Amino acid sequence: MCRFGWILCVLVSLLAGSLSAETASTTQPASREREQMDAIAARVAASQPDWWDSVKLDIPKTLDLTWPDRPADWSKSIDMYIFRTYDHRPARHREACKFLTAIVTTNPDNPRAQYKASLRLGQYYGLLLHDYARGAYWYRRAARHGPLFAFHQTNLAYCYWKLGSKELALAELGNVRNIQTARLLGEIGEIDKVKSLTDAMGDFGAVVMGDTYRYHGRFKEALESYNRVTTRPGQVVFGRNFGRAGAEAIPSFEAAAAGKFTDGTYTGESAGFRGPIKVEATIKGGRIATVKVVSSRDDWPLSAQVMIPAEIVEKQSVHNVDTVTGATYTSAGVINAAAKAVGSSAK
C-alpha cells in the first residue's frame, strides 16, 4: 500500500464522523436530506476506491507540497504540475486523486493547502471520474476552508443530482447565474428556469436553450432556438457558429431518435471550440457499438472527448447526453458530430 494510504484511512475516518456536525454549524441549518446525503458521501469516502492500490504515485522531490499561492520557484508549483501532468490526461485522473490526497495528508495544519486540494479532489472525483459521492464529500470538505465559487457550486450540484437529490442540486444552483448553471438546469429538466436565465444571455443563451430542448427530444423548439442565433445580424461570430452547428445537426438527432440503425462505420463532423471535431461511430447488431473522436483541435479538457462517447454508447442515444462542465463547446462539438455519424446510419 502507498505510504500515504494508512494516513488517508485514519484521516477520512475522522472526517466521516465529523462532517455532519460541521455542516450543521453553518449559518443555514442543514436539511434532513442534506444530512443524509453527507452521511452517505462520508461513508463512501471513508474507504479507498477499488483502484487505489493499483495506481502508482511518484511525487517529484522538487515540488513544494505546502502549495503556496505564489511559489518562489515555479518549477516547484503544484498548480503547474497538476496542469501539465494530470489535467490533459484522462488516463492519469486516478493518479491525480492519489496525489491530491497526499497533499491533504501532509498538510493537516495548512488550511489553504487543504482548501485547494479538496476543491481539486471534488472536481476530479465528481466531474471526471463520475464518483459522485466522493466528489460531493470533497467539495463539502473544501467549503470548510473557503468559498465554493460558481464553477464548483455547479459541480457539487451535478454530484447531488447524480446521487439522486434534485432538491439539493437546485439548492446549490439557487444563487448562480451563468451558462454552466443554465446547462445543468436544462439537464435536470428545469426548462422554464433555463429560459429565464438565457433570455438575457444573447446568442450564447439561445444556443443553451436550443441544447436544452434537444436534450429532451424537443427538436422543433431546439431548431427554433438555434435559428434565433443564426438569423440575427451583428451577433458574436462564435455564438453564430454554434447556433449554426446545432441547427445543422437537428435532422441527424431526429433520425437517431428512432433508434433503427444499419450496421457499419459512419463519421460526422461539427464545430468544436478551436475547430472542427470529427467523430466515428460503429453500429453492430443494430446497436451503437463504439463512438470515438478521430480528430479534434480542442486540447483541454480532453475528458469530454472520452466521457461523452462512452455515455452515448451506454445510453444508446445522442440527444440526452450530459455535457462536461468546463468543456461546454467541446462537449457540443462531440455530441453534434456523434449525432451526425449515428443519424446517418438510421434506416
Protein backbone atom coordinates (compact mmCIF):
# COMPACT_ATOMS: atom_id res chain seq x y z
CA MET A 1 0.00 0.00 0.00
CA CYS A 2 1.12 3.55 -0.69
CA ARG A 3 2.82 5.17 2.29
CA PHE A 4 0.04 7.73 2.34
CA GLY A 5 -2.66 5.04 2.38
CA TRP A 6 -2.81 4.37 6.12
CA ILE A 7 -2.80 8.11 6.83
CA LEU A 8 -5.73 8.51 4.44
CA CYS A 9 -7.74 5.81 6.21
CA VAL A 10 -7.28 7.47 9.60
CA LEU A 11 -7.91 10.98 8.26
CA VAL A 12 -11.07 10.15 6.33
CA SER A 13 -12.49 8.03 9.16
CA LEU A 14 -12.20 11.03 11.49
CA LEU A 15 -13.69 13.35 8.88
CA ALA A 16 -16.57 10.98 8.20
CA GLY A 17 -17.69 11.22 11.79
CA SER A 18 -17.34 15.00 12.00
CA LEU A 19 -18.67 16.20 8.66
CA SER A 20 -22.35 16.26 9.60
CA ALA A 21 -21.65 18.14 12.82
CA GLU A 22 -19.54 20.70 11.00
CA THR A 23 -22.20 21.10 8.34
CA ALA A 24 -24.93 21.64 10.92
CA SER A 25 -22.95 24.53 12.45
CA THR A 26 -23.19 26.68 9.32
CA THR A 27 -25.42 29.74 9.23
CA GLN A 28 -28.13 27.92 7.27
CA PRO A 29 -29.41 24.80 9.05
CA ALA A 30 -28.89 21.64 7.02
CA SER A 31 -31.97 19.90 5.76
CA ARG A 32 -32.51 16.28 6.68
CA GLU A 33 -31.84 15.29 3.09
CA ARG A 34 -28.52 17.14 3.09
CA GLU A 35 -27.53 15.42 6.33
CA GLN A 36 -28.42 12.05 4.83
CA MET A 37 -26.54 12.81 1.62
CA ASP A 38 -23.48 13.99 3.54
CA ALA A 39 -23.59 10.84 5.64
CA ILE A 40 -23.67 8.68 2.51
CA ALA A 41 -20.78 10.61 0.97
CA ALA A 42 -18.76 10.36 4.17
CA ARG A 43 -19.27 6.60 4.37
CA VAL A 44 -18.05 6.18 0.81
CA ALA A 45 -15.07 8.48 1.36
CA ALA A 46 -14.07 6.55 4.49
CA SER A 47 -12.83 3.72 2.28
CA GLN A 48 -10.38 3.80 -0.59
CA PRO A 49 -11.62 3.39 -4.19
CA ASP A 50 -11.19 -0.14 -5.53
CA TRP A 51 -8.48 1.08 -7.92
CA TRP A 52 -6.37 2.75 -5.24
CA ASP A 53 -3.64 0.15 -4.70
CA SER A 54 -3.18 -0.45 -8.44
CA VAL A 55 -2.30 3.20 -9.15
CA LYS A 56 1.35 4.12 -8.67
CA LEU A 57 2.35 7.52 -7.35
CA ASP A 58 5.79 9.04 -7.67
CA ILE A 59 5.89 12.61 -6.34
CA PRO A 60 8.82 14.69 -7.61
CA LYS A 61 11.03 15.79 -4.74
CA THR A 62 11.28 19.26 -6.25
CA LEU A 63 7.60 20.07 -5.56
CA ASP A 64 6.68 22.30 -2.65
CA LEU A 65 3.86 20.25 -1.10
CA THR A 66 2.74 23.14 1.11
CA TRP A 67 1.15 24.57 -2.05
CA PRO A 68 1.92 28.30 -1.62
CA ASP A 69 -0.15 30.71 -3.71
CA ARG A 70 2.98 32.36 -5.08
CA PRO A 71 5.87 29.88 -5.13
CA ALA A 72 9.34 31.38 -5.22
CA ASP A 73 10.27 28.85 -7.91
CA TRP A 74 7.58 27.98 -10.47
CA SER A 75 9.29 24.66 -11.17
CA LYS A 76 8.02 23.69 -7.70
CA SER A 77 4.48 24.88 -8.35
CA ILE A 78 1.71 22.39 -7.56
CA ASP A 79 -0.72 24.19 -9.89
CA MET A 80 1.67 23.94 -12.83
CA TYR A 81 2.45 20.30 -12.04
CA ILE A 82 -1.25 19.34 -11.95
CA PHE A 83 -1.95 21.21 -15.18
CA ARG A 84 0.93 19.61 -17.06
CA THR A 85 0.73 16.12 -15.57
CA TYR A 86 -2.95 15.38 -14.99
CA ASP A 87 -5.45 17.88 -16.42
CA HIS A 88 -4.84 16.94 -20.06
CA ARG A 89 -4.60 13.20 -19.45
CA PRO A 90 -7.79 11.32 -18.57
CA ALA A 91 -5.77 8.12 -18.07
CA ARG A 92 -4.00 9.80 -15.12
CA HIS A 93 -7.01 11.26 -13.33
CA ARG A 94 -6.96 8.50 -10.73
CA GLU A 95 -3.32 9.22 -10.05
CA ALA A 96 -4.26 12.88 -9.65
CA CYS A 97 -6.68 11.93 -6.86
CA LYS A 98 -3.96 9.98 -5.12
CA PHE A 99 -1.55 12.90 -5.48
CA LEU A 100 -4.07 15.42 -4.13
CA THR A 101 -4.88 13.14 -1.21
CA ALA A 102 -1.15 13.12 -0.39
CA ILE A 103 -1.33 16.94 -0.25
CA VAL A 104 -4.22 16.70 2.22
CA THR A 105 -2.49 14.17 4.46
CA THR A 106 0.83 16.03 4.57
CA ASN A 107 -0.73 19.43 5.35
CA PRO A 108 -3.05 18.86 8.35
CA ASP A 109 -2.36 22.36 9.73
CA ASN A 110 -2.37 24.22 6.41
CA PRO A 111 -5.97 25.37 5.68
CA ARG A 112 -5.04 26.90 2.33
CA ALA A 113 -3.49 23.68 1.03
CA GLN A 114 -6.43 21.71 2.42
CA TYR A 115 -8.84 24.02 0.60
CA LYS A 116 -7.12 23.88 -2.78
CA ALA A 117 -6.57 20.13 -2.67
CA SER A 118 -10.16 19.46 -1.59
CA LEU A 119 -11.57 21.59 -4.43
CA ARG A 120 -9.49 19.68 -6.92
CA LEU A 121 -10.48 16.33 -5.41
CA GLY A 122 -14.14 17.31 -5.72
CA GLN A 123 -13.60 18.16 -9.37
CA TYR A 124 -11.59 15.05 -10.23
CA TYR A 125 -13.81 12.58 -8.41
CA GLY A 126 -17.19 14.09 -9.17
CA LEU A 127 -16.75 15.56 -12.62
CA LEU A 128 -14.00 13.50 -14.24
CA LEU A 129 -14.26 10.06 -12.61
CA HIS A 130 -18.05 10.06 -12.06
CA ASP A 131 -17.52 9.10 -8.43
CA TYR A 132 -20.28 11.44 -7.28
CA ALA A 133 -20.28 10.55 -3.59
CA ARG A 134 -16.58 11.25 -3.19
CA GLY A 135 -16.95 14.35 -5.34
CA ALA A 136 -19.68 15.72 -3.08
CA TYR A 137 -17.68 14.80 0.02
CA TRP A 138 -14.57 16.68 -1.03
CA TYR A 139 -16.49 19.73 -2.22
CA ARG A 140 -18.27 19.91 1.13
CA ARG A 141 -14.92 19.50 2.84
CA ALA A 142 -13.44 22.34 0.77
CA ALA A 143 -16.30 24.59 1.90
CA ARG A 144 -14.98 24.33 5.46
CA HIS A 145 -11.86 26.22 4.41
CA GLY A 146 -13.10 28.66 1.78
CA PRO A 147 -15.84 29.61 -0.66
CA LEU A 148 -17.23 27.45 -3.43
CA PHE A 149 -17.30 29.69 -6.47
CA ALA A 150 -19.82 29.27 -9.30
CA PHE A 151 -17.85 26.59 -11.15
CA HIS A 152 -17.51 24.42 -8.07
CA GLN A 153 -21.06 25.06 -6.86
CA THR A 154 -22.35 23.79 -10.19
CA ASN A 155 -20.11 20.74 -9.97
CA LEU A 156 -21.38 19.99 -6.47
CA ALA A 157 -24.95 20.41 -7.72
CA TYR A 158 -24.15 17.94 -10.52
CA CYS A 159 -22.89 15.41 -7.95
CA TYR A 160 -26.05 15.79 -5.86
CA TRP A 161 -28.24 15.37 -8.92
CA LYS A 162 -26.40 12.22 -9.99
CA LEU A 163 -26.72 10.89 -6.44
CA GLY A 164 -30.48 11.26 -6.77
CA SER A 165 -31.18 14.55 -5.00
CA LYS A 166 -32.69 17.12 -7.32
CA GLU A 167 -33.62 19.22 -4.26
CA LEU A 168 -30.01 19.64 -3.15
CA ALA A 169 -28.84 20.24 -6.71
CA LEU A 170 -31.32 23.08 -7.12
CA ALA A 171 -30.36 24.49 -3.72
CA GLU A 172 -26.71 24.72 -4.82
CA LEU A 173 -27.69 26.38 -8.08
CA GLY A 174 -30.04 28.88 -6.44
CA ASN A 175 -27.71 31.90 -6.49
CA VAL A 176 -25.61 31.04 -9.54
CA ARG A 177 -26.39 32.72 -12.86
CA ASN A 178 -24.21 31.65 -15.77
CA ILE A 179 -24.12 29.46 -18.87
CA GLN A 180 -22.80 26.47 -16.94
CA THR A 181 -25.68 26.65 -14.48
CA ALA A 182 -28.23 27.04 -17.27
CA ARG A 183 -26.94 23.90 -18.97
CA LEU A 184 -27.17 21.85 -15.80
CA LEU A 185 -30.66 23.15 -15.05
CA GLY A 186 -31.61 22.04 -18.55
CA GLU A 187 -30.28 18.54 -17.99
CA ILE A 188 -32.11 18.36 -14.67
CA GLY A 189 -35.31 19.26 -16.50
CA GLU A 190 -35.93 22.80 -15.22
CA ILE A 191 -36.66 24.17 -18.69
CA ASP A 192 -38.58 27.24 -17.52
CA LYS A 193 -35.66 28.24 -15.29
CA VAL A 194 -33.27 27.82 -18.19
CA LYS A 195 -35.40 30.12 -20.31
CA SER A 196 -35.49 32.82 -17.63
CA LEU A 197 -31.70 32.68 -17.34
CA THR A 198 -30.85 32.51 -21.03
CA ASP A 199 -33.22 35.26 -22.23
CA ALA A 200 -30.63 37.82 -21.12
CA MET A 201 -27.59 35.92 -22.42
CA GLY A 202 -27.84 36.76 -26.10
CA ASP A 203 -26.52 34.27 -28.64
CA PHE A 204 -24.95 32.01 -26.07
CA GLY A 205 -28.22 31.83 -24.19
CA ALA A 206 -30.10 30.90 -27.37
CA VAL A 207 -27.60 28.08 -28.02
CA VAL A 208 -28.03 26.75 -24.48
CA MET A 209 -31.81 26.94 -24.84
CA GLY A 210 -31.54 25.01 -28.10
CA ASP A 211 -29.30 22.41 -26.47
CA THR A 212 -31.80 22.07 -23.62
CA TYR A 213 -34.73 21.43 -25.93
CA ARG A 214 -32.64 19.00 -27.97
CA TYR A 215 -31.54 17.16 -24.81
CA HIS A 216 -35.20 16.45 -24.02
CA GLY A 217 -36.08 15.44 -27.57
CA ARG A 218 -37.98 18.64 -28.37
CA PHE A 219 -36.31 19.04 -31.74
CA LYS A 220 -38.66 21.57 -33.33
CA GLU A 221 -38.19 24.02 -30.43
CA ALA A 222 -34.44 23.34 -30.45
CA LEU A 223 -34.23 24.30 -34.11
CA GLU A 224 -36.21 27.49 -33.48
CA SER A 225 -33.77 28.47 -30.71
CA TYR A 226 -30.70 27.78 -32.84
CA ASN A 227 -32.18 29.75 -35.72
CA ARG A 228 -32.66 32.78 -33.49
CA VAL A 229 -28.88 32.88 -33.34
CA THR A 230 -28.09 32.23 -36.97
CA THR A 231 -30.60 34.70 -38.42
CA ARG A 232 -29.77 37.76 -36.28
CA PRO A 233 -27.23 40.17 -37.83
CA GLY A 234 -24.38 41.73 -35.92
CA GLN A 235 -24.06 38.95 -33.33
CA VAL A 236 -20.92 37.33 -31.95
CA VAL A 237 -19.39 35.05 -34.58
CA PHE A 238 -18.54 32.39 -32.01
CA GLY A 239 -22.18 32.17 -30.91
CA ARG A 240 -23.38 32.09 -34.52
CA ASN A 241 -21.05 29.18 -35.27
CA PHE A 242 -22.52 27.04 -32.51
CA GLY A 243 -26.07 28.07 -33.33
CA ARG A 244 -25.49 27.05 -36.93
CA ALA A 245 -23.82 23.79 -35.87
CA GLY A 246 -26.74 22.95 -33.59
CA ALA A 247 -29.28 23.67 -36.31
CA GLU A 248 -27.39 21.58 -38.86
CA ALA A 249 -27.33 18.59 -36.52
CA ILE A 250 -31.07 18.54 -35.69
CA PRO A 251 -32.09 16.31 -38.65
CA SER A 252 -29.45 13.82 -37.50
CA PHE A 253 -30.79 13.86 -33.94
CA GLU A 254 -34.31 13.27 -35.29
CA ALA A 255 -33.10 10.32 -37.38
CA ALA A 256 -31.10 8.85 -34.49
CA ALA A 257 -34.04 9.19 -32.08
CA ALA A 258 -35.87 6.41 -33.93
CA GLY A 259 -33.15 4.01 -32.79
CA LYS A 260 -33.16 1.96 -36.03
CA PHE A 261 -29.58 1.73 -37.21
CA THR A 262 -27.86 -0.01 -40.12
CA ASP A 263 -24.63 -1.83 -39.28
CA GLY A 264 -21.43 -0.19 -40.46
CA THR A 265 -18.97 2.57 -39.59
CA TYR A 266 -20.05 6.18 -40.00
CA THR A 267 -18.46 9.59 -39.45
CA GLY A 268 -19.77 13.02 -38.57
CA GLU A 269 -18.20 16.44 -38.11
CA SER A 270 -19.23 19.58 -36.24
CA ALA A 271 -17.78 22.76 -34.74
CA GLY A 272 -15.64 22.48 -31.62
CA PHE A 273 -14.03 25.18 -29.51
CA ARG A 274 -10.88 25.51 -31.62
CA GLY A 275 -12.07 23.98 -34.89
CA PRO A 276 -13.89 21.01 -36.39
CA ILE A 277 -14.36 17.82 -34.36
CA LYS A 278 -14.73 14.55 -36.28
CA VAL A 279 -16.37 11.52 -34.69
CA GLU A 280 -16.60 7.91 -35.87
CA ALA A 281 -19.45 5.61 -34.80
CA THR A 282 -19.67 1.86 -35.35
CA ILE A 283 -23.05 0.11 -35.45
CA LYS A 284 -23.20 -3.63 -34.80
CA GLY A 285 -26.35 -5.68 -34.49
CA GLY A 286 -28.42 -2.54 -34.82
CA ARG A 287 -26.82 -1.00 -31.72
CA ILE A 288 -24.23 1.72 -31.17
CA ALA A 289 -21.10 -0.36 -30.52
CA THR A 290 -18.39 2.31 -30.41
CA VAL A 291 -18.08 6.07 -30.65
CA LYS A 292 -14.71 7.80 -30.76
CA VAL A 293 -13.25 11.18 -31.58
CA VAL A 294 -10.88 10.68 -34.52
CA SER A 295 -9.73 14.28 -34.98
CA SER A 296 -10.00 17.46 -32.94
CA ARG A 297 -8.04 20.65 -32.29
CA ASP A 298 -9.59 21.08 -28.83
CA ASP A 299 -6.77 20.34 -26.42
CA TRP A 300 -8.33 20.92 -22.99
CA PRO A 301 -10.05 19.43 -21.17
CA LEU A 302 -9.70 16.16 -23.04
CA SER A 303 -12.14 14.43 -20.67
CA ALA A 304 -15.13 15.50 -22.81
CA GLN A 305 -13.70 13.59 -25.76
CA VAL A 306 -13.59 10.41 -23.67
CA MET A 307 -16.61 10.70 -21.38
CA ILE A 308 -19.21 11.75 -23.95
CA PRO A 309 -18.56 8.91 -26.44
CA ALA A 310 -18.74 6.43 -23.54
CA GLU A 311 -22.06 7.88 -22.38
CA ILE A 312 -23.52 7.71 -25.90
CA VAL A 313 -22.71 4.00 -26.06
CA GLU A 314 -24.09 3.42 -22.56
CA LYS A 315 -27.36 5.25 -23.22
CA GLN A 316 -27.66 4.17 -26.86
CA SER A 317 -28.70 7.74 -27.54
CA VAL A 318 -27.19 11.03 -28.69
CA HIS A 319 -29.81 13.57 -27.65
CA ASN A 320 -29.88 13.13 -23.85
CA VAL A 321 -26.14 13.11 -23.21
CA ASP A 322 -24.72 15.27 -20.42
CA THR A 323 -22.17 17.94 -21.29
CA VAL A 324 -18.90 18.10 -19.36
CA THR A 325 -18.64 21.11 -17.07
CA GLY A 326 -15.76 23.33 -18.14
CA ALA A 327 -15.83 21.86 -21.64
CA THR A 328 -19.12 23.32 -22.87
CA TYR A 329 -18.28 23.85 -26.52
CA THR A 330 -16.08 20.80 -26.90
CA SER A 331 -18.99 18.79 -25.48
CA ALA A 332 -21.38 20.34 -28.00
CA GLY A 333 -18.99 19.58 -30.85
CA VAL A 334 -18.61 15.93 -29.86
CA ILE A 335 -22.36 15.44 -29.35
CA ASN A 336 -23.33 17.12 -32.64
CA ALA A 337 -20.68 15.22 -34.60
CA ALA A 338 -21.73 11.94 -32.98
CA ALA A 339 -25.36 12.67 -33.86
CA LYS A 340 -24.41 13.16 -37.50
CA ALA A 341 -22.49 9.87 -37.50
CA VAL A 342 -25.18 7.85 -35.76
CA GLY A 343 -28.01 9.60 -37.59
CA SER A 344 -26.52 8.76 -40.96
CA SER A 345 -26.87 5.07 -40.10
CA ALA A 346 -30.60 5.34 -39.41
CA LYS A 347 -32.84 3.41 -41.72
